[in-house]
Amino acid sequence: SQHEEDIERLGGNHALFLVNTLTKERQRLYPYDRNVEVLWSPTGQYVLVNDYRGSDSAVPLIFLIGEKITCIVLEKDLAEQIQNNPHIWKNHHVYITGSEWTAQDVLKIKIEGYGDVDPDGFTLWFEYHIGKGFTAL
């Protein structure tokens, strides 16, 4: 499937697997190199994976769990919707993470970091509505 081909290209030293507790069938969901955090949506339709991919960055991904697994790369949506925010794009250490599901398709997003623009650090909060994008809080 396309999901498996995309995931294969990512590589990774570790991997998250989905396991059907009835059939015991396992499916590789996401490979990663360092550390991840996983948050299921209230009904289990979505799973958020915060990928702490480096000492200077973290990114969230949302997987739609169904017959076919699809992935929403929130960093890509953020770059398209909020292009000129120097806190997000001009600091060297930026951590974008989902902190909690506030509804079935709404995720609270925390963006924090530091660098040349914000030597003392910054924190921004957004809501991410699946299919609609980001709203500042």
Protein backbone atom coordinates (compact mmCIF):
# COMPACT_ATOMS: atom_id res chain seq x y z
CA SER A 1 0.00 0.00 0.00
CA GLN A 2 1.01 3.64 -0.38
CA HIS A 3 1.20 4.09 3.42
CA GLU A 4 3.65 1.21 3.73
CA GLU A 5 5.80 2.55 0.86
CA ASP A 6 5.91 6.03 2.45
CA ILE A 7 6.74 4.58 5.86
CA GLU A 8 9.46 2.32 4.42
CA ARG A 9 11.25 5.39 3.07
CA LEU A 10 11.35 6.93 6.54
CA GLY A 11 13.65 4.26 7.96
CA GLY A 12 14.03 4.40 11.72
CA ASN A 13 15.72 2.37 14.43
CA HIS A 14 12.41 1.64 16.20
CA ALA A 15 8.81 1.18 15.08
CA LEU A 16 5.25 1.53 16.37
CA PHE A 17 2.91 -1.33 15.55
CA LEU A 18 -0.87 -1.55 15.61
CA VAL A 19 -2.04 -4.86 17.04
CA ASN A 20 -5.58 -6.14 16.61
CA THR A 21 -6.28 -7.60 20.05
CA LEU A 22 -8.87 -10.03 18.62
CA THR A 23 -6.93 -11.42 15.64
CA LYS A 24 -3.41 -10.63 16.95
CA GLU A 25 -2.63 -9.21 13.48
CA ARG A 26 0.24 -6.71 13.62
CA GLN A 27 0.79 -3.82 11.24
CA ARG A 28 3.76 -1.48 11.30
CA LEU A 29 2.43 2.05 11.73
CA TYR A 30 5.46 4.29 12.03
CA PRO A 31 9.25 3.94 12.24
CA TYR A 32 11.21 6.40 14.36
CA ASP A 33 14.76 7.05 15.47
CA ARG A 34 14.65 8.42 19.03
CA ASN A 35 11.44 8.74 21.03
CA VAL A 36 7.69 9.01 20.41
CA GLU A 37 4.56 9.73 22.41
CA VAL A 38 1.18 8.32 21.33
CA LEU A 39 -2.30 9.74 22.06
CA TRP A 40 -5.46 8.04 20.82
CA SER A 41 -8.44 10.22 19.89
CA PRO A 42 -11.57 9.75 22.04
CA THR A 43 -13.18 7.19 19.69
CA GLY A 44 -9.93 5.61 18.50
CA GLN A 45 -10.39 6.75 14.91
CA TYR A 46 -7.16 8.77 15.02
CA VAL A 47 -3.82 8.28 16.70
CA LEU A 48 -1.42 11.14 17.28
CA VAL A 49 2.29 10.38 17.24
CA ASN A 50 4.61 13.07 18.61
CA ASP A 51 7.99 12.22 17.08
CA TYR A 52 10.85 13.64 19.16
CA ARG A 53 13.10 13.18 16.15
CA GLY A 54 16.09 15.17 17.36
CA SER A 55 17.45 17.13 20.28
CA ASP A 56 16.33 20.29 18.47
CA SER A 57 12.91 19.29 17.11
CA ALA A 58 9.68 17.40 17.59
CA VAL A 59 6.85 16.96 15.09
CA PRO A 60 3.31 15.55 15.38
CA LEU A 61 1.65 13.21 12.90
CA ILE A 62 -1.98 12.10 12.90
CA PHE A 63 -2.87 8.67 11.57
CA LEU A 64 -6.44 7.89 10.49
CA ILE A 65 -6.98 4.26 11.44
CA GLY A 66 -9.31 2.39 9.14
CA GLU A 67 -9.33 -0.04 6.24
CA LYS A 68 -6.51 2.06 4.80
CA ILE A 69 -4.22 4.03 7.11
CA THR A 70 -3.58 7.63 6.11
CA CYS A 71 -1.23 10.14 7.69
CA ILE A 72 -1.52 13.90 8.23
CA VAL A 73 1.86 15.60 8.62
CA LEU A 74 1.01 18.59 10.80
CA GLU A 75 4.35 20.32 10.19
CA LYS A 76 3.46 20.49 6.47
CA ASP A 77 -0.01 21.91 7.19
CA LEU A 78 1.53 24.42 9.61
CA ALA A 79 4.09 25.54 7.00
CA GLU A 80 1.32 26.06 4.45
CA GLN A 81 -1.02 27.92 6.81
CA ILE A 82 1.41 29.90 9.01
CA GLN A 83 4.36 30.67 6.75
CA ASN A 84 5.85 33.85 8.20
CA ASN A 85 5.98 33.22 11.94
CA PRO A 86 9.63 33.82 12.96
CA HIS A 87 9.17 32.00 16.29
CA ILE A 88 8.35 28.76 14.46
CA TRP A 89 10.59 29.03 11.40
CA LYS A 90 13.61 31.09 12.49
CA ASN A 91 14.61 29.44 15.78
CA HIS A 92 16.93 26.46 15.76
CA HIS A 93 15.17 24.48 18.52
CA VAL A 94 11.43 24.09 17.83
CA TYR A 95 9.18 21.43 19.33
CA ILE A 96 5.69 21.04 17.83
CA THR A 97 3.61 18.57 19.83
CA GLY A 98 0.00 17.59 20.26
CA SER A 99 -0.89 17.83 23.93
CA GLU A 100 -4.49 16.55 24.09
CA TRP A 101 -7.54 15.70 22.05
CA THR A 102 -10.23 18.25 22.97
CA ALA A 103 -12.79 16.60 20.66
CA GLN A 104 -12.84 13.64 18.27
CA ASP A 105 -11.21 15.69 15.48
CA VAL A 106 -9.66 18.58 17.44
CA LEU A 107 -6.16 18.52 18.86
CA LYS A 108 -4.49 21.06 21.13
CA ILE A 109 -1.01 21.87 19.76
CA LYS A 110 1.90 23.34 21.71
CA ILE A 111 4.81 24.93 19.85
CA GLU A 112 7.79 25.88 21.95
CA GLY A 113 11.47 26.45 21.48
CA TYR A 114 14.37 28.85 21.48
CA GLY A 115 17.12 30.16 19.23
CA ASP A 116 18.33 33.35 17.55
CA VAL A 117 14.84 34.93 17.46
CA ASP A 118 13.89 33.89 21.01
CA PRO A 119 17.02 33.29 23.11
CA ASP A 120 14.85 33.13 26.26
CA GLY A 121 12.35 30.80 24.60
CA PHE A 122 8.77 31.02 23.35
CA THR A 123 5.51 29.06 23.65
CA LEU A 124 2.54 29.22 21.27
CA TRP A 125 -0.77 27.32 21.50
CA PHE A 126 -3.06 26.32 18.62
CA GLU A 127 -6.01 24.08 17.97
CA TYR A 128 -5.77 21.82 14.96
CA HIS A 129 -9.10 20.83 13.42
CA ILE A 130 -8.69 17.84 11.11
CA GLY A 131 -9.66 18.93 7.62
CA LYS A 132 -9.74 22.63 8.57
CA GLY A 133 -6.29 23.54 9.91
CA PHE A 134 -4.88 25.66 12.72
CA THR A 135 -6.49 28.31 14.94
CA ALA A 136 -4.39 30.33 17.40
CA LEU A 137 -5.41 30.09 21.06
